[in-house]
Amino acid sequence: MLSVAVIGAGAAGCFAAANIRGARVDVYEAGAKPMAKLAITGGGRCNITNSFEHLRSVDEAYPRGARLMKRALKEFSPQATLRWFTEAGVRGFVTEPDGCVFPASQDAMEIVRTLSRKMVSGGVELHCGKKAETLTKADGAWLIGFADGSSARADAVLLTAGGAPRGLPLLGGLDIPWVQCVPSLFTFTVNDPALRSLMGLVVNASLAIPGTSFRSHGQLLITDWGLSGPAVLKLSSYAARYLHDNGYNASLSINWAALPQAEVEAELNAFLSENRQKLLSSSAPLGLPLRLWQYIISLAGLREDIRRGELGSKGFARLVAMLTGCPAHIDGRSHFRDEFVTCGGVDLAAIDPSTMQCRSHPGLFFAGEVLDIDAITGGFNLQAAWSTAWLASRAIMNIQ
């Protein structure tokens, strides 16, 4: 019987193990329990996938790895993911307006328990507290050395242990190309007391890093440390390497209305034409929170007591500029302990995209975050884990 070693009991590793049949499967996990990150994803609700309905192309979701993911999604789509988990016993799903899909129970542990049951029913052996340190091949078999001094042999190895900033020593002797891992999906530190004083405000905004092509839009949350929310997380994903290379120090432009300049000018004109004797700062246009509007007025250099009818063309132009291209500065990134998404990993050029097998080492497969694939927030990273693990499990079962 074919023997398979899965190294890493995260989402990809456990999903692959649950799908491999006709083989002896052992899953080795360095931590104390499997799927620890899966259990907290989506705030403990598990954003299991995304409908993809709001995307014009796969490239929008995957800043790195889009080409491979296009192929993988044809083989195992979000719809296939939901069918698999439904057949495995998950009691329904809910799709939110932004396309994020969660189990109806809103409980990530339901997904963890489902995968655990499928592994048990398939005869998979789980070994926790087993940190793999060496991987070599001899006499047609793979030999895995563990930190505790023990070892194991396997006909095929699936490596799914990801998020390794300094690379995987396990691969050290195999000469497999590795792309440096850097953080992705993080919030921005902004050292601007006036902006941070607006903490708690949420607006729909567009963000850009001037001088680059990096853009995002979505909800923006002002926090006591700077900026957060989907718009920031998307931009951090798109610009992950750029921000890393620049020491997380960069200019930022905020369009508070998330509208083209012409629309902002039209709405602002209409606002100013009404009640021309009212103080400009007494109410806000464009559905903006009043505190944010007063902050924008201050940035535009306008008097606190100016009336709507007193605003001249220069003042109007300054307001439009602050509404559509408000300057800010990224002074660092968040360092939360639950921040674990990285970009980088095994270079995709080393992988056969139809099987997830290493081109230079037959019998060695990769899936999940260990690959140089990462996505914006919204369930896309988990979908990459399911799709690549599915491809690997199918290929492993075809080994002769």
Protein backbone atom coordinates (compact mmCIF):
# COMPACT_ATOMS: atom_id res chain seq x y z
CA MET A 1 0.00 0.00 0.00
CA LEU A 2 1.22 3.50 -0.84
CA SER A 3 2.44 5.39 2.23
CA VAL A 4 1.88 9.16 2.35
CA ALA A 5 3.31 11.65 4.83
CA VAL A 6 1.55 15.00 5.17
CA ILE A 7 3.73 17.55 6.96
CA GLY A 8 1.57 20.27 8.49
CA ALA A 9 -1.90 19.76 9.96
CA GLY A 10 -3.41 23.03 8.85
CA ALA A 11 -6.36 23.55 6.52
CA ALA A 12 -4.57 22.32 3.38
CA GLY A 13 -2.87 19.36 5.04
CA CYS A 14 -5.97 18.06 6.77
CA PHE A 15 -8.18 18.59 3.73
CA ALA A 16 -5.74 16.67 1.51
CA ALA A 17 -5.43 13.88 4.08
CA ALA A 18 -9.23 13.62 4.31
CA ASN A 19 -9.40 13.11 0.54
CA ILE A 20 -6.62 10.57 -0.02
CA ARG A 21 -7.95 7.03 -0.28
CA GLY A 22 -6.26 3.71 -0.96
CA ALA A 23 -3.11 4.70 0.93
CA ARG A 24 -1.69 4.82 4.42
CA VAL A 25 -1.71 8.49 5.41
CA ASP A 26 0.18 9.96 8.37
CA VAL A 27 -0.13 13.65 9.21
CA TYR A 28 2.69 15.23 11.21
CA GLU A 29 2.10 18.51 13.05
CA ALA A 30 4.71 20.45 15.02
CA GLY A 31 2.09 22.07 17.25
CA ALA A 32 0.01 20.60 20.04
CA LYS A 33 -3.17 20.30 17.99
CA PRO A 34 -4.27 20.34 14.35
CA MET A 35 -5.93 23.23 12.52
CA ALA A 36 -5.19 25.79 15.24
CA LYS A 37 -5.25 28.68 12.75
CA LEU A 38 -8.37 27.40 11.02
CA ALA A 39 -10.15 27.44 14.38
CA ILE A 40 -9.70 31.22 14.70
CA THR A 41 -10.07 32.30 11.08
CA GLY A 42 -12.80 34.80 10.31
CA GLY A 43 -12.93 35.86 13.95
CA GLY A 44 -13.79 32.30 14.94
CA ARG A 45 -16.58 32.12 12.34
CA CYS A 46 -14.45 30.63 9.53
CA ASN A 47 -14.68 32.55 6.28
CA ILE A 48 -14.48 29.25 4.41
CA THR A 49 -14.52 30.67 0.87
CA ASN A 50 -15.89 33.46 -1.28
CA SER A 51 -18.54 33.50 -4.00
CA PHE A 52 -16.10 35.36 -6.32
CA GLU A 53 -19.17 37.14 -7.75
CA HIS A 54 -17.80 40.62 -7.08
CA LEU A 55 -14.52 40.06 -8.91
CA ARG A 56 -13.79 40.99 -12.49
CA SER A 57 -10.90 38.51 -12.54
CA VAL A 58 -9.06 36.07 -10.29
CA ASP A 59 -6.10 38.48 -10.33
CA GLU A 60 -8.05 40.90 -8.12
CA ALA A 61 -8.14 38.32 -5.32
CA TYR A 62 -4.66 36.83 -5.72
CA PRO A 63 -1.81 39.36 -5.98
CA ARG A 64 0.54 36.38 -6.19
CA GLY A 65 -0.34 33.01 -7.71
CA ALA A 66 -3.33 34.09 -9.81
CA ARG A 67 -2.27 32.09 -12.85
CA LEU A 68 -2.03 28.85 -10.91
CA MET A 69 -5.24 29.61 -9.03
CA LYS A 70 -7.19 30.07 -12.25
CA ARG A 71 -6.32 26.50 -13.11
CA ALA A 72 -6.89 25.18 -9.59
CA LEU A 73 -10.31 26.83 -9.32
CA LYS A 74 -11.44 25.10 -12.52
CA GLU A 75 -10.59 21.78 -10.87
CA PHE A 76 -11.98 22.61 -7.42
CA SER A 77 -14.17 25.70 -7.29
CA PRO A 78 -15.83 27.52 -4.37
CA GLN A 79 -19.03 25.68 -5.28
CA ALA A 80 -17.15 22.37 -5.09
CA THR A 81 -15.84 23.38 -1.67
CA LEU A 82 -19.35 24.00 -0.35
CA ARG A 83 -20.62 20.72 -1.84
CA TRP A 84 -17.77 18.80 -0.23
CA PHE A 85 -18.36 20.23 3.23
CA THR A 86 -22.14 19.86 2.91
CA GLU A 87 -21.76 16.17 2.02
CA ALA A 88 -19.34 15.86 4.94
CA GLY A 89 -22.04 17.05 7.34
CA VAL A 90 -21.77 20.86 7.63
CA ARG A 91 -25.30 22.20 8.19
CA GLY A 92 -25.50 24.91 5.56
CA PHE A 93 -23.71 28.14 4.66
CA VAL A 94 -24.48 31.84 4.47
CA THR A 95 -23.10 34.22 1.85
CA GLU A 96 -22.71 37.83 2.93
CA PRO A 97 -23.19 40.82 0.58
CA ASP A 98 -19.43 41.10 0.00
CA GLY A 99 -19.24 37.47 -1.15
CA CYS A 100 -17.73 36.06 2.05
CA VAL A 101 -19.10 32.60 2.86
CA PHE A 102 -19.43 31.28 6.42
CA PRO A 103 -20.94 28.12 7.90
CA ALA A 104 -24.49 28.80 9.02
CA SER A 105 -23.42 27.92 12.57
CA GLN A 106 -20.93 30.83 12.46
CA ASP A 107 -18.54 28.45 14.21
CA ALA A 108 -15.10 27.64 12.81
CA MET A 109 -14.93 24.59 15.06
CA GLU A 110 -17.69 22.97 12.99
CA ILE A 111 -15.27 22.99 10.03
CA VAL A 112 -12.42 21.71 12.22
CA ARG A 113 -14.56 18.88 13.59
CA THR A 114 -15.80 17.98 10.12
CA LEU A 115 -12.27 17.61 8.77
CA SER A 116 -11.23 15.65 11.86
CA ARG A 117 -14.12 13.20 11.38
CA LYS A 118 -13.27 12.70 7.72
CA MET A 119 -9.65 11.99 8.56
CA VAL A 120 -10.62 9.48 11.23
CA SER A 121 -13.11 7.74 8.95
CA GLY A 122 -10.43 7.53 6.26
CA GLY A 123 -7.96 5.88 8.62
CA VAL A 124 -5.60 8.85 8.73
CA GLU A 125 -3.10 8.81 11.60
CA LEU A 126 -2.46 12.20 13.20
CA HIS A 127 0.82 12.83 15.05
CA CYS A 128 1.02 16.14 16.96
CA GLY A 129 4.16 17.50 18.56
CA LYS A 130 6.21 16.09 15.66
CA LYS A 131 8.37 18.81 14.15
CA ALA A 132 9.88 17.68 10.86
CA GLU A 133 13.46 18.91 10.50
CA THR A 134 15.00 16.95 7.63
CA LEU A 135 13.72 15.49 4.38
CA THR A 136 15.84 13.23 2.21
CA LYS A 137 15.22 10.60 -0.43
CA ALA A 138 16.98 7.24 -0.59
CA ASP A 139 16.17 3.94 -2.28
CA GLY A 140 13.03 5.41 -3.82
CA ALA A 141 11.49 6.46 -0.50
CA TRP A 142 11.38 9.69 1.48
CA LEU A 143 12.94 9.79 4.95
CA ILE A 144 11.65 12.40 7.40
CA GLY A 145 13.69 13.27 10.48
CA PHE A 146 11.93 14.81 13.48
CA ALA A 147 13.15 17.10 16.25
CA ASP A 148 12.64 14.37 18.85
CA GLY A 149 15.15 12.13 17.08
CA SER A 150 12.59 9.82 15.49
CA SER A 151 12.09 9.29 11.78
CA ALA A 152 9.49 8.05 9.30
CA ARG A 153 9.50 6.73 5.74
CA ALA A 154 6.96 7.46 3.02
CA ASP A 155 6.48 6.86 -0.68
CA ALA A 156 5.08 10.36 -1.14
CA VAL A 157 5.30 13.55 0.92
CA LEU A 158 2.85 16.47 0.89
CA LEU A 159 4.29 19.57 2.52
CA THR A 160 1.70 22.08 3.72
CA ALA A 161 3.55 23.83 6.57
CA GLY A 162 3.46 27.51 5.61
CA GLY A 163 4.21 30.95 7.01
CA ALA A 164 7.99 30.47 7.33
CA PRO A 165 9.60 33.95 7.15
CA ARG A 166 13.12 32.55 6.94
CA GLY A 167 12.32 29.62 4.69
CA LEU A 168 11.94 25.96 5.58
CA PRO A 169 15.16 24.27 6.78
CA LEU A 170 13.35 21.04 5.93
CA LEU A 171 13.93 21.81 2.24
CA GLY A 172 17.53 22.87 2.72
CA GLY A 173 19.18 20.01 0.84
CA LEU A 174 16.70 19.77 -2.02
CA ASP A 175 17.59 22.92 -3.96
CA ILE A 176 13.97 24.02 -4.38
CA PRO A 177 13.57 27.73 -5.30
CA TRP A 178 12.11 29.77 -2.43
CA VAL A 179 10.60 33.25 -2.52
CA GLN A 180 11.25 35.22 0.67
CA CYS A 181 8.19 35.36 2.93
CA VAL A 182 6.99 38.77 4.09
CA PRO A 183 3.79 39.75 5.95
CA SER A 184 0.53 40.33 4.13
CA LEU A 185 -2.91 41.41 5.39
CA PHE A 186 -1.97 43.90 8.08
CA THR A 187 -3.23 47.27 9.29
CA PHE A 188 -1.37 50.58 9.04
CA THR A 189 0.19 52.58 11.85
CA VAL A 190 -0.33 56.32 11.27
CA ASN A 191 1.43 58.85 13.51
CA ASP A 192 -1.14 61.60 13.01
CA PRO A 193 -2.90 62.53 16.30
CA ALA A 194 -5.60 64.51 14.48
CA LEU A 195 -6.53 61.55 12.29
CA ARG A 196 -6.30 59.04 15.12
CA SER A 197 -8.57 61.24 17.23
CA LEU A 198 -11.35 60.14 14.85
CA MET A 199 -11.00 56.53 16.05
CA GLY A 200 -14.13 54.46 15.65
CA LEU A 201 -15.29 56.13 12.44
CA VAL A 202 -16.03 53.82 9.49
CA VAL A 203 -16.39 55.07 5.90
CA ASN A 204 -16.41 53.57 2.43
CA ALA A 205 -13.18 54.86 0.90
CA SER A 206 -10.61 54.33 -1.82
CA LEU A 207 -6.89 54.13 -1.02
CA ALA A 208 -3.80 54.55 -3.16
CA ILE A 209 -0.04 54.64 -2.70
CA PRO A 210 1.08 57.62 -4.82
CA GLY A 211 3.61 56.85 -7.52
CA THR A 212 2.54 53.19 -7.72
CA SER A 213 -0.32 51.19 -9.23
CA PHE A 214 -1.49 49.94 -5.82
CA ARG A 215 -5.16 50.78 -5.24
CA SER A 216 -7.99 49.44 -3.10
CA HIS A 217 -11.47 50.35 -1.98
CA GLY A 218 -13.88 49.22 0.72
CA GLN A 219 -14.65 49.99 4.33
CA LEU A 220 -11.99 52.01 6.13
CA LEU A 221 -11.85 52.03 9.93
CA ILE A 222 -9.95 54.72 11.86
CA THR A 223 -8.35 53.22 14.98
CA ASP A 224 -6.29 54.42 17.91
CA TRP A 225 -3.14 53.27 16.10
CA GLY A 226 -4.05 54.31 12.54
CA LEU A 227 -6.10 52.67 9.81
CA SER A 228 -7.77 49.28 9.48
CA GLY A 229 -10.70 47.65 7.71
CA PRO A 230 -11.05 45.77 4.40
CA ALA A 231 -9.69 48.64 2.28
CA VAL A 232 -6.45 48.67 4.27
CA LEU A 233 -6.11 44.88 4.35
CA LYS A 234 -6.56 44.71 0.58
CA LEU A 235 -3.96 47.41 0.00
CA SER A 236 -1.53 45.69 2.38
CA SER A 237 -1.92 42.51 0.34
CA TYR A 238 -1.47 44.17 -3.05
CA ALA A 239 1.54 46.17 -1.83
CA ALA A 240 3.02 43.61 0.59
CA ARG A 241 6.46 43.44 -1.01
CA TYR A 242 6.61 47.15 -1.83
CA LEU A 243 5.82 48.09 1.78
CA HIS A 244 8.27 45.53 3.15
CA ASP A 245 11.04 46.83 0.89
CA ASN A 246 10.30 50.39 2.02
CA GLY A 247 10.33 49.59 5.72
CA TYR A 248 6.55 50.07 6.02
CA ASN A 249 7.08 53.78 5.45
CA ALA A 250 5.09 55.18 2.55
CA SER A 251 2.77 57.95 1.42
CA LEU A 252 -0.95 57.23 1.30
CA SER A 253 -3.78 58.98 -0.53
CA ILE A 254 -7.36 58.64 0.75
CA ASN A 255 -10.49 59.29 -1.28
CA TRP A 256 -12.98 59.61 1.57
CA ALA A 257 -15.99 59.47 -0.77
CA ALA A 258 -14.74 56.56 -2.96
CA LEU A 259 -16.08 58.55 -5.92
CA PRO A 260 -14.54 60.12 -9.04
CA GLN A 261 -13.60 63.80 -8.66
CA ALA A 262 -16.38 64.98 -11.00
CA GLU A 263 -19.06 63.31 -8.86
CA VAL A 264 -17.59 64.74 -5.68
CA GLU A 265 -17.58 68.23 -7.21
CA ALA A 266 -21.22 67.89 -8.28
CA GLU A 267 -22.41 66.66 -4.88
CA LEU A 268 -20.38 69.27 -3.04
CA ASN A 269 -21.81 72.03 -5.25
CA ALA A 270 -25.34 70.85 -4.50
CA PHE A 271 -24.56 70.74 -0.77
CA LEU A 272 -23.15 74.29 -0.78
CA SER A 273 -26.14 75.63 -2.72
CA GLU A 274 -28.53 74.61 0.04
CA ASN A 275 -28.80 76.81 3.15
CA ARG A 276 -25.96 79.10 2.11
CA GLN A 277 -26.07 80.89 5.48
CA LYS A 278 -25.37 77.70 7.45
CA LEU A 279 -21.91 77.09 8.85
CA LEU A 280 -19.93 74.81 6.56
CA SER A 281 -18.97 72.67 9.55
CA SER A 282 -22.50 72.20 10.94
CA SER A 283 -23.43 69.27 8.66
CA ALA A 284 -21.60 66.99 6.23
CA PRO A 285 -22.04 66.17 2.53
CA LEU A 286 -21.58 62.82 0.77
CA GLY A 287 -22.85 60.88 3.76
CA LEU A 288 -19.61 61.50 5.66
CA PRO A 289 -19.51 61.44 9.47
CA LEU A 290 -19.59 65.00 10.79
CA ARG A 291 -16.32 64.62 12.73
CA LEU A 292 -14.55 63.47 9.57
CA TRP A 293 -15.99 66.38 7.58
CA GLN A 294 -14.75 68.84 10.19
CA TYR A 295 -11.30 67.21 9.99
CA ILE A 296 -11.33 67.63 6.20
CA ILE A 297 -12.33 71.30 6.52
CA SER A 298 -9.39 71.83 8.87
CA LEU A 299 -6.99 70.08 6.46
CA ALA A 300 -8.24 72.35 3.68
CA GLY A 301 -7.14 75.33 5.76
CA LEU A 302 -10.64 76.83 6.08
CA ARG A 303 -11.98 78.86 9.02
CA GLU A 304 -14.17 77.08 11.54
CA ASP A 305 -16.85 79.80 11.24
CA ILE A 306 -17.01 80.01 7.42
CA ARG A 307 -20.49 79.77 5.93
CA ARG A 308 -21.38 77.69 2.89
CA GLY A 309 -22.07 80.74 0.78
CA GLU A 310 -18.70 82.29 1.65
CA LEU A 311 -16.62 79.49 0.15
CA GLY A 312 -14.82 80.75 -2.94
CA SER A 313 -13.38 78.78 -5.83
CA LYS A 314 -10.02 78.26 -4.12
CA GLY A 315 -11.65 76.95 -0.96
CA PHE A 316 -13.88 74.70 -3.05
CA ALA A 317 -10.85 73.31 -4.88
CA ARG A 318 -9.03 72.63 -1.60
CA LEU A 319 -12.06 70.78 -0.20
CA VAL A 320 -12.33 68.63 -3.33
CA ALA A 321 -8.61 67.88 -3.13
CA MET A 322 -8.90 66.77 0.51
CA LEU A 323 -12.01 64.68 -0.21
CA THR A 324 -10.57 62.84 -3.20
CA GLY A 325 -6.83 62.73 -2.44
CA CYS A 326 -6.31 63.37 1.24
CA PRO A 327 -2.61 62.89 2.07
CA ALA A 328 -1.65 60.57 4.91
CA HIS A 329 1.44 58.57 5.76
CA ILE A 330 2.01 54.92 6.63
CA ASP A 331 4.43 54.85 9.56
CA GLY A 332 4.47 51.11 10.21
CA ARG A 333 2.31 48.02 10.32
CA SER A 334 0.40 46.13 12.97
CA HIS A 335 2.08 43.25 14.81
CA PHE A 336 -0.87 41.28 16.14
CA ARG A 337 -0.20 37.73 17.22
CA ASP A 338 -3.03 36.33 15.11
CA GLU A 339 -1.54 37.90 11.97
CA PHE A 340 -0.22 34.90 10.08
CA VAL A 341 -0.82 35.41 6.37
CA THR A 342 2.39 35.83 4.40
CA CYS A 343 3.32 36.20 0.77
CA GLY A 344 6.22 34.12 -0.48
CA GLY A 345 7.09 30.45 -0.20
CA VAL A 346 7.96 27.74 -2.71
CA ASP A 347 8.49 29.34 -6.12
CA LEU A 348 5.58 28.32 -8.36
CA ALA A 349 7.98 27.74 -11.24
CA ALA A 350 9.15 24.66 -9.31
CA ILE A 351 5.63 23.18 -9.22
CA ASP A 352 3.57 21.29 -11.79
CA PRO A 353 0.32 23.31 -11.57
CA SER A 354 -1.88 20.36 -12.53
CA THR A 355 -0.61 18.10 -9.71
CA MET A 356 1.18 20.33 -7.16
CA GLN A 357 4.17 18.00 -7.53
CA CYS A 358 7.71 19.34 -7.41
CA ARG A 359 9.17 19.25 -10.92
CA SER A 360 12.64 18.25 -9.72
CA HIS A 361 11.61 15.77 -7.01
CA PRO A 362 8.90 13.26 -8.01
CA GLY A 363 6.81 12.18 -5.05
CA LEU A 364 7.12 15.54 -3.27
CA PHE A 365 3.99 17.69 -3.33
CA PHE A 366 3.03 21.10 -1.96
CA ALA A 367 -0.29 22.76 -1.06
CA GLY A 368 -1.59 25.76 0.85
CA GLU A 369 0.39 28.62 2.31
CA VAL A 370 3.78 26.98 1.77
CA LEU A 371 3.37 27.99 -1.88
CA ASP A 372 3.99 31.52 -3.15
CA ILE A 373 0.23 32.11 -3.32
CA ASP A 374 -1.65 34.57 -1.16
CA ALA A 375 -4.84 36.55 -1.41
CA ILE A 376 -6.75 39.53 -0.14
CA THR A 377 -9.06 39.08 2.82
CA GLY A 378 -12.45 37.47 2.26
CA GLY A 379 -12.06 33.67 2.20
CA PHE A 380 -9.72 33.57 -0.78
CA ASN A 381 -6.73 32.23 1.14
CA LEU A 382 -8.73 29.28 2.47
CA GLN A 383 -10.05 28.58 -1.01
CA ALA A 384 -6.43 28.40 -2.22
CA ALA A 385 -5.78 25.84 0.52
CA TRP A 386 -8.79 23.71 -0.49
CA SER A 387 -8.08 23.88 -4.24
CA THR A 388 -4.35 23.16 -4.11
CA ALA A 389 -4.85 20.39 -1.54
CA TRP A 390 -7.49 18.81 -3.77
CA LEU A 391 -5.14 18.80 -6.76
CA ALA A 392 -2.35 17.27 -4.66
CA SER A 393 -4.58 14.57 -3.18
CA ARG A 394 -5.85 13.54 -6.64
CA ALA A 395 -2.28 13.35 -7.99
CA ILE A 396 -1.00 11.37 -5.00
CA MET A 397 -3.71 8.73 -5.46
CA ASN A 398 -2.56 8.29 -9.06
CA ILE A 399 0.99 7.38 -8.06
CA GLN A 400 1.79 3.91 -9.36
